[in-house]
């Protein structure tokens, strides 16, 4: 019995006019001397694509390979069902407008969040007391304290998300990147459960 190792590729969305999905489209095949025999095994054929994604179960892959090569033993590096996406490749003319609207909404939400937090903890009184301890006229000197404080909040957020100094983390993912990865994994798990 010969052992074959299948390593999932990073799959880009397929065009909606693609009639068939082959093993080579979604897996790297090892050992390489067996790749030519296995790469053109058809896993799915489509007459009409009605959904923007499809799930190919591992059992289907094993069945398709064993129908042609019954003596092969398949080993999957990542034993998850494969999700493939379809894209009609139309240009999205509203993308930049939507990004602008979402950016404005997120910016306004973050501004309101910070303002409400400062109101809840009575930050104005705290700052007034600090300036009063340093100077003799806190009302006159308060803006000189609040301006660098406000700039510092923005710089702190940028540093937290590793956007201010891109080489600071030596290629490590930022907290936002990690959250996006976990969100993507959760979406894929939900799509697998639907099929």
C-alpha atoms as a PDB file:
ATOM      1  CA  UNK A   1       0.000   0.000   0.000  1.00  0.00           C
ATOM      2  CA  UNK A   2       1.375   3.380  -1.008  1.00  0.00           C
ATOM      3  CA  UNK A   3       1.011   6.432   1.209  1.00  0.00           C
ATOM      4  CA  UNK A   4       0.030   9.770  -0.316  1.00  0.00           C
ATOM      5  CA  UNK A   5       0.112  13.058   1.580  1.00  0.00           C
ATOM      6  CA  UNK A   6      -2.277  15.876   0.681  1.00  0.00           C
ATOM      7  CA  UNK A   7      -1.520  19.389   1.883  1.00  0.00           C
ATOM      8  CA  UNK A   8      -4.242  22.018   1.306  1.00  0.00           C
ATOM      9  CA  UNK A   9      -3.295  24.973  -0.842  1.00  0.00           C
ATOM     10  CA  UNK A  10      -4.252  28.562  -0.188  1.00  0.00           C
ATOM     11  CA  UNK A  11      -7.263  28.669  -2.487  1.00  0.00           C
ATOM     12  CA  UNK A  12      -8.340  31.800  -4.289  1.00  0.00           C
ATOM     13  CA  UNK A  13     -11.976  32.043  -5.393  1.00  0.00           C
ATOM     14  CA  UNK A  14     -12.705  30.113  -8.591  1.00  0.00           C
ATOM     15  CA  UNK A  15     -14.456  31.721 -11.530  1.00  0.00           C
ATOM     16  CA  UNK A  16     -18.138  30.875 -11.802  1.00  0.00           C
ATOM     17  CA  UNK A  17     -17.637  29.438 -15.295  1.00  0.00           C
ATOM     18  CA  UNK A  18     -15.183  26.764 -14.057  1.00  0.00           C
ATOM     19  CA  UNK A  19     -16.929  23.461 -14.842  1.00  0.00           C
ATOM     20  CA  UNK A  20     -14.780  21.098 -12.745  1.00  0.00           C
ATOM     21  CA  UNK A  21     -12.646  21.065  -9.597  1.00  0.00           C
ATOM     22  CA  UNK A  22      -9.615  18.779  -9.667  1.00  0.00           C
ATOM     23  CA  UNK A  23      -7.397  17.468  -6.886  1.00  0.00           C
ATOM     24  CA  UNK A  24      -4.519  19.703  -8.055  1.00  0.00           C
ATOM     25  CA  UNK A  25      -6.729  22.796  -7.578  1.00  0.00           C
ATOM     26  CA  UNK A  26      -7.021  22.362  -3.819  1.00  0.00           C
ATOM     27  CA  UNK A  27      -4.139  20.121  -2.697  1.00  0.00           C
ATOM     28  CA  UNK A  28      -0.385  19.853  -3.066  1.00  0.00           C
ATOM     29  CA  UNK A  29       0.373  16.147  -3.573  1.00  0.00           C
ATOM     30  CA  UNK A  30       3.362  14.362  -2.029  1.00  0.00           C
ATOM     31  CA  UNK A  31       5.461  12.426  -2.926  1.00  0.00           C
ATOM     32  CA  UNK A  32       5.914  14.401  -6.118  1.00  0.00           C
ATOM     33  CA  UNK A  33       6.476  11.317  -8.304  1.00  0.00           C
ATOM     34  CA  UNK A  34       2.790  10.406  -7.761  1.00  0.00           C
ATOM     35  CA  UNK A  35       1.513  13.886  -8.518  1.00  0.00           C
ATOM     36  CA  UNK A  36       1.092  13.412 -12.292  1.00  0.00           C
ATOM     37  CA  UNK A  37      -1.153  10.392 -11.789  1.00  0.00           C
ATOM     38  CA  UNK A  38      -3.360  11.996  -9.140  1.00  0.00           C
ATOM     39  CA  UNK A  39      -3.565  15.690  -9.967  1.00  0.00           C
ATOM     40  CA  UNK A  40      -6.286  15.368 -12.634  1.00  0.00           C
ATOM     41  CA  UNK A  41      -8.742  13.381 -10.522  1.00  0.00           C
ATOM     42  CA  UNK A  42     -12.054  15.229 -10.761  1.00  0.00           C
ATOM     43  CA  UNK A  43     -13.662  15.980  -7.394  1.00  0.00           C
ATOM     44  CA  UNK A  44     -16.657  18.042  -8.516  1.00  0.00           C
ATOM     45  CA  UNK A  45     -18.391  18.910 -11.771  1.00  0.00           C
ATOM     46  CA  UNK A  46     -20.793  21.805 -12.087  1.00  0.00           C
ATOM     47  CA  UNK A  47     -23.453  22.387 -14.688  1.00  0.00           C
ATOM     48  CA  UNK A  48     -24.668  25.534 -12.979  1.00  0.00           C
ATOM     49  CA  UNK A  49     -23.269  27.277  -9.922  1.00  0.00           C
ATOM     50  CA  UNK A  50     -26.103  28.511  -7.721  1.00  0.00           C
ATOM     51  CA  UNK A  51     -24.163  29.344  -4.541  1.00  0.00           C
ATOM     52  CA  UNK A  52     -21.051  31.444  -3.975  1.00  0.00           C
ATOM     53  CA  UNK A  53     -19.386  28.591  -2.052  1.00  0.00           C
ATOM     54  CA  UNK A  54     -19.280  24.803  -1.892  1.00  0.00           C
ATOM     55  CA  UNK A  55     -17.972  22.292   0.649  1.00  0.00           C
ATOM     56  CA  UNK A  56     -16.022  19.253  -0.516  1.00  0.00           C
ATOM     57  CA  UNK A  57     -16.024  16.605   2.198  1.00  0.00           C
ATOM     58  CA  UNK A  58     -12.951  14.488   2.874  1.00  0.00           C
ATOM     59  CA  UNK A  59     -14.974  11.322   2.265  1.00  0.00           C
ATOM     60  CA  UNK A  60     -15.708  12.463  -1.289  1.00  0.00           C
ATOM     61  CA  UNK A  61     -12.005  13.066  -1.902  1.00  0.00           C
ATOM     62  CA  UNK A  62     -11.077   9.631  -0.544  1.00  0.00           C
ATOM     63  CA  UNK A  63     -13.803   8.003  -2.656  1.00  0.00           C
ATOM     64  CA  UNK A  64     -12.723   9.791  -5.848  1.00  0.00           C
ATOM     65  CA  UNK A  65      -9.086   8.769  -5.398  1.00  0.00           C
ATOM     66  CA  UNK A  66      -9.864   5.170  -4.356  1.00  0.00           C
ATOM     67  CA  UNK A  67     -12.136   4.681  -7.378  1.00  0.00           C
ATOM     68  CA  UNK A  68      -9.079   5.069  -9.626  1.00  0.00           C
ATOM     69  CA  UNK A  69      -6.305   3.917  -7.289  1.00  0.00           C
ATOM     70  CA  UNK A  70      -7.651   1.485  -4.672  1.00  0.00           C
ATOM     71  CA  UNK A  71      -4.199   0.676  -3.219  1.00  0.00           C
ATOM     72  CA  UNK A  72      -3.435   4.238  -2.121  1.00  0.00           C
ATOM     73  CA  UNK A  73      -3.679   5.379   1.473  1.00  0.00           C
ATOM     74  CA  UNK A  74      -4.416   9.116   1.770  1.00  0.00           C
ATOM     75  CA  UNK A  75      -3.055  11.222   4.625  1.00  0.00           C
ATOM     76  CA  UNK A  76      -4.428  14.745   5.033  1.00  0.00           C
ATOM     77  CA  UNK A  77      -2.191  17.315   6.692  1.00  0.00           C
ATOM     78  CA  UNK A  78      -5.286  19.314   7.692  1.00  0.00           C
ATOM     79  CA  UNK A  79      -8.234  16.958   8.172  1.00  0.00           C
ATOM     80  CA  UNK A  80     -11.000  19.504   7.521  1.00  0.00           C
ATOM     81  CA  UNK A  81     -13.578  19.609   4.776  1.00  0.00           C
ATOM     82  CA  UNK A  82     -12.502  21.980   2.014  1.00  0.00           C
ATOM     83  CA  UNK A  83     -14.517  25.133   1.367  1.00  0.00           C
ATOM     84  CA  UNK A  84     -14.221  26.614  -2.106  1.00  0.00           C
ATOM     85  CA  UNK A  85     -15.595  29.979  -3.121  1.00  0.00           C
ATOM     86  CA  UNK A  86     -16.791  31.241  -6.488  1.00  0.00           C
ATOM     87  CA  UNK A  87     -16.425  34.754  -7.845  1.00  0.00           C
ATOM     88  CA  UNK A  88     -18.028  36.176 -10.962  1.00  0.00           C
ATOM     89  CA  UNK A  89     -15.074  38.603 -11.347  1.00  0.00           C
ATOM     90  CA  UNK A  90     -17.291  41.646 -11.847  1.00  0.00           C
ATOM     91  CA  UNK A  91     -15.766  44.954 -10.848  1.00  0.00           C
ATOM     92  CA  UNK A  92     -17.248  46.319  -7.659  1.00  0.00           C
ATOM     93  CA  UNK A  93     -17.897  49.977  -8.455  1.00  0.00           C
ATOM     94  CA  UNK A  94     -19.223  50.834  -5.002  1.00  0.00           C
ATOM     95  CA  UNK A  95     -16.338  49.371  -2.979  1.00  0.00           C
ATOM     96  CA  UNK A  96     -14.584  52.662  -2.204  1.00  0.00           C
ATOM     97  CA  UNK A  97     -17.834  54.390  -1.292  1.00  0.00           C
ATOM     98  CA  UNK A  98     -18.723  51.560   1.095  1.00  0.00           C
ATOM     99  CA  UNK A  99     -15.227  51.639   2.636  1.00  0.00           C
ATOM    100  CA  UNK A 100     -15.559  55.404   3.155  1.00  0.00           C
ATOM    101  CA  UNK A 101     -19.003  55.078   4.784  1.00  0.00           C
ATOM    102  CA  UNK A 102     -17.851  52.241   7.068  1.00  0.00           C
ATOM    103  CA  UNK A 103     -14.715  54.207   8.006  1.00  0.00           C
ATOM    104  CA  UNK A 104     -16.791  57.252   8.956  1.00  0.00           C
ATOM    105  CA  UNK A 105     -19.193  55.122  11.028  1.00  0.00           C
ATOM    106  CA  UNK A 106     -16.303  53.346  12.811  1.00  0.00           C
ATOM    107  CA  UNK A 107     -14.512  56.639  13.457  1.00  0.00           C
ATOM    108  CA  UNK A 108     -17.662  58.239  14.895  1.00  0.00           C
ATOM    109  CA  UNK A 109     -18.305  55.152  17.035  1.00  0.00           C
ATOM    110  CA  UNK A 110     -14.780  55.166  18.440  1.00  0.00           C
ATOM    111  CA  UNK A 111     -15.003  58.906  19.175  1.00  0.00           C
ATOM    112  CA  UNK A 112     -18.296  58.399  21.025  1.00  0.00           C
ATOM    113  CA  UNK A 113     -16.875  55.421  22.919  1.00  0.00           C
ATOM    114  CA  UNK A 114     -13.853  57.361  24.151  1.00  0.00           C
ATOM    115  CA  UNK A 115     -15.998  60.398  25.053  1.00  0.00           C
ATOM    116  CA  UNK A 116     -18.470  58.264  27.009  1.00  0.00           C
ATOM    117  CA  UNK A 117     -15.658  56.448  28.802  1.00  0.00           C
ATOM    118  CA  UNK A 118     -14.128  59.770  29.831  1.00  0.00           C
ATOM    119  CA  UNK A 119     -17.499  61.022  31.040  1.00  0.00           C
ATOM    120  CA  UNK A 120     -18.109  57.822  33.045  1.00  0.00           C
ATOM    121  CA  UNK A 121     -14.796  58.045  34.909  1.00  0.00           C
ATOM    122  CA  UNK A 122     -15.079  61.852  35.272  1.00  0.00           C
ATOM    123  CA  UNK A 123     -11.842  62.410  33.371  1.00  0.00           C
ATOM    124  CA  UNK A 124     -12.479  66.170  33.069  1.00  0.00           C
ATOM    125  CA  UNK A 125     -12.399  66.537  36.851  1.00  0.00           C
ATOM    126  CA  UNK A 126      -9.286  64.340  37.124  1.00  0.00           C
ATOM    127  CA  UNK A 127      -7.475  66.394  34.501  1.00  0.00           C
ATOM    128  CA  UNK A 128      -8.594  69.626  36.158  1.00  0.00           C
ATOM    129  CA  UNK A 129      -7.183  68.446  39.492  1.00  0.00           C
ATOM    130  CA  UNK A 130      -3.859  67.425  37.860  1.00  0.00           C
ATOM    131  CA  UNK A 131      -3.468  70.772  36.079  1.00  0.00           C
ATOM    132  CA  UNK A 132      -4.479  72.597  39.269  1.00  0.00           C
ATOM    133  CA  UNK A 133      -1.720  70.782  41.161  1.00  0.00           C
ATOM    134  CA  UNK A 134       0.880  71.809  38.548  1.00  0.00           C
ATOM    135  CA  UNK A 135      -0.247  75.360  37.714  1.00  0.00           C
ATOM    136  CA  UNK A 136      -2.010  78.180  39.513  1.00  0.00           C
ATOM    137  CA  UNK A 137      -4.642  78.734  36.787  1.00  0.00           C
ATOM    138  CA  UNK A 138      -6.089  75.367  35.595  1.00  0.00           C
ATOM    139  CA  UNK A 139      -8.759  76.916  33.332  1.00  0.00           C
ATOM    140  CA  UNK A 140      -6.135  78.735  31.267  1.00  0.00           C
ATOM    141  CA  UNK A 141      -3.689  75.808  31.031  1.00  0.00           C
ATOM    142  CA  UNK A 142      -6.210  72.965  30.564  1.00  0.00           C
ATOM    143  CA  UNK A 143      -6.034  72.960  26.696  1.00  0.00           C
ATOM    144  CA  UNK A 144      -2.246  72.601  26.853  1.00  0.00           C
ATOM    145  CA  UNK A 145      -2.751  69.392  28.799  1.00  0.00           C
ATOM    146  CA  UNK A 146      -5.677  67.986  26.800  1.00  0.00           C
ATOM    147  CA  UNK A 147      -4.107  68.401  23.352  1.00  0.00           C
ATOM    148  CA  UNK A 148      -1.073  66.129  23.933  1.00  0.00           C
ATOM    149  CA  UNK A 149      -3.329  63.756  25.899  1.00  0.00           C
ATOM    150  CA  UNK A 150      -5.653  63.396  22.878  1.00  0.00           C
ATOM    151  CA  UNK A 151      -2.733  62.890  20.488  1.00  0.00           C
ATOM    152  CA  UNK A 152      -1.311  60.292  22.873  1.00  0.00           C
ATOM    153  CA  UNK A 153      -4.540  58.259  22.760  1.00  0.00           C
ATOM    154  CA  UNK A 154      -4.314  58.099  18.934  1.00  0.00           C
ATOM    155  CA  UNK A 155      -0.638  57.115  18.980  1.00  0.00           C
ATOM    156  CA  UNK A 156      -1.329  54.486  21.648  1.00  0.00           C
ATOM    157  CA  UNK A 157      -4.070  52.874  19.561  1.00  0.00           C
ATOM    158  CA  UNK A 158      -1.834  52.900  16.459  1.00  0.00           C
ATOM    159  CA  UNK A 159       1.016  51.261  18.383  1.00  0.00           C
ATOM    160  CA  UNK A 160      -1.334  48.667  19.878  1.00  0.00           C
ATOM    161  CA  UNK A 161      -2.417  47.555  16.407  1.00  0.00           C
ATOM    162  CA  UNK A 162       1.181  47.711  15.033  1.00  0.00           C
ATOM    163  CA  UNK A 163       0.236  50.266  12.386  1.00  0.00           C
ATOM    164  CA  UNK A 164       2.470  53.130  13.469  1.00  0.00           C
ATOM    165  CA  UNK A 165       5.811  51.324  13.080  1.00  0.00           C
ATOM    166  CA  UNK A 166       5.235  48.432  10.616  1.00  0.00           C
ATOM    167  CA  UNK A 167       8.611  46.772  11.286  1.00  0.00           C
ATOM    168  CA  UNK A 168       8.153  46.983  15.056  1.00  0.00           C
ATOM    169  CA  UNK A 169       6.803  43.440  15.413  1.00  0.00           C
ATOM    170  CA  UNK A 170       9.175  41.705  12.940  1.00  0.00           C
ATOM    171  CA  UNK A 171       6.308  40.208  10.958  1.00  0.00           C
ATOM    172  CA  UNK A 172       4.253  39.091  13.950  1.00  0.00           C
ATOM    173  CA  UNK A 173       0.495  39.440  13.517  1.00  0.00           C
ATOM    174  CA  UNK A 174      -1.188  42.312  15.304  1.00  0.00           C
ATOM    175  CA  UNK A 175      -4.140  41.730  17.674  1.00  0.00           C
ATOM    176  CA  UNK A 176      -6.453  42.808  14.855  1.00  0.00           C
ATOM    177  CA  UNK A 177      -4.854  40.257  12.484  1.00  0.00           C
ATOM    178  CA  UNK A 178      -5.320  37.496  15.075  1.00  0.00           C
ATOM    179  CA  UNK A 179      -8.963  38.450  15.550  1.00  0.00           C
ATOM    180  CA  UNK A 180      -9.541  38.378  11.779  1.00  0.00           C
ATOM    181  CA  UNK A 181      -7.919  34.918  11.531  1.00  0.00           C
ATOM    182  CA  UNK A 182     -10.124  33.543  14.312  1.00  0.00           C
ATOM    183  CA  UNK A 183     -13.200  35.158  12.717  1.00  0.00           C
ATOM    184  CA  UNK A 184     -12.345  33.594   9.348  1.00  0.00           C
ATOM    185  CA  UNK A 185     -11.915  30.166  10.988  1.00  0.00           C
ATOM    186  CA  UNK A 186     -15.294  30.514  12.734  1.00  0.00           C
ATOM    187  CA  UNK A 187     -16.998  31.495   9.455  1.00  0.00           C
ATOM    188  CA  UNK A 188     -15.518  28.442   7.730  1.00  0.00           C
ATOM    189  CA  UNK A 189     -16.675  26.168  10.565  1.00  0.00           C
ATOM    190  CA  UNK A 190     -20.208  27.541  10.240  1.00  0.00           C
ATOM    191  CA  UNK A 191     -20.178  27.031   6.452  1.00  0.00           C
ATOM    192  CA  UNK A 192     -19.046  23.427   6.939  1.00  0.00           C
ATOM    193  CA  UNK A 193     -21.941  22.794   9.334  1.00  0.00           C
ATOM    194  CA  UNK A 194     -24.483  24.150   6.827  1.00  0.00           C
ATOM    195  CA  UNK A 195     -23.576  21.683   4.067  1.00  0.00           C
END
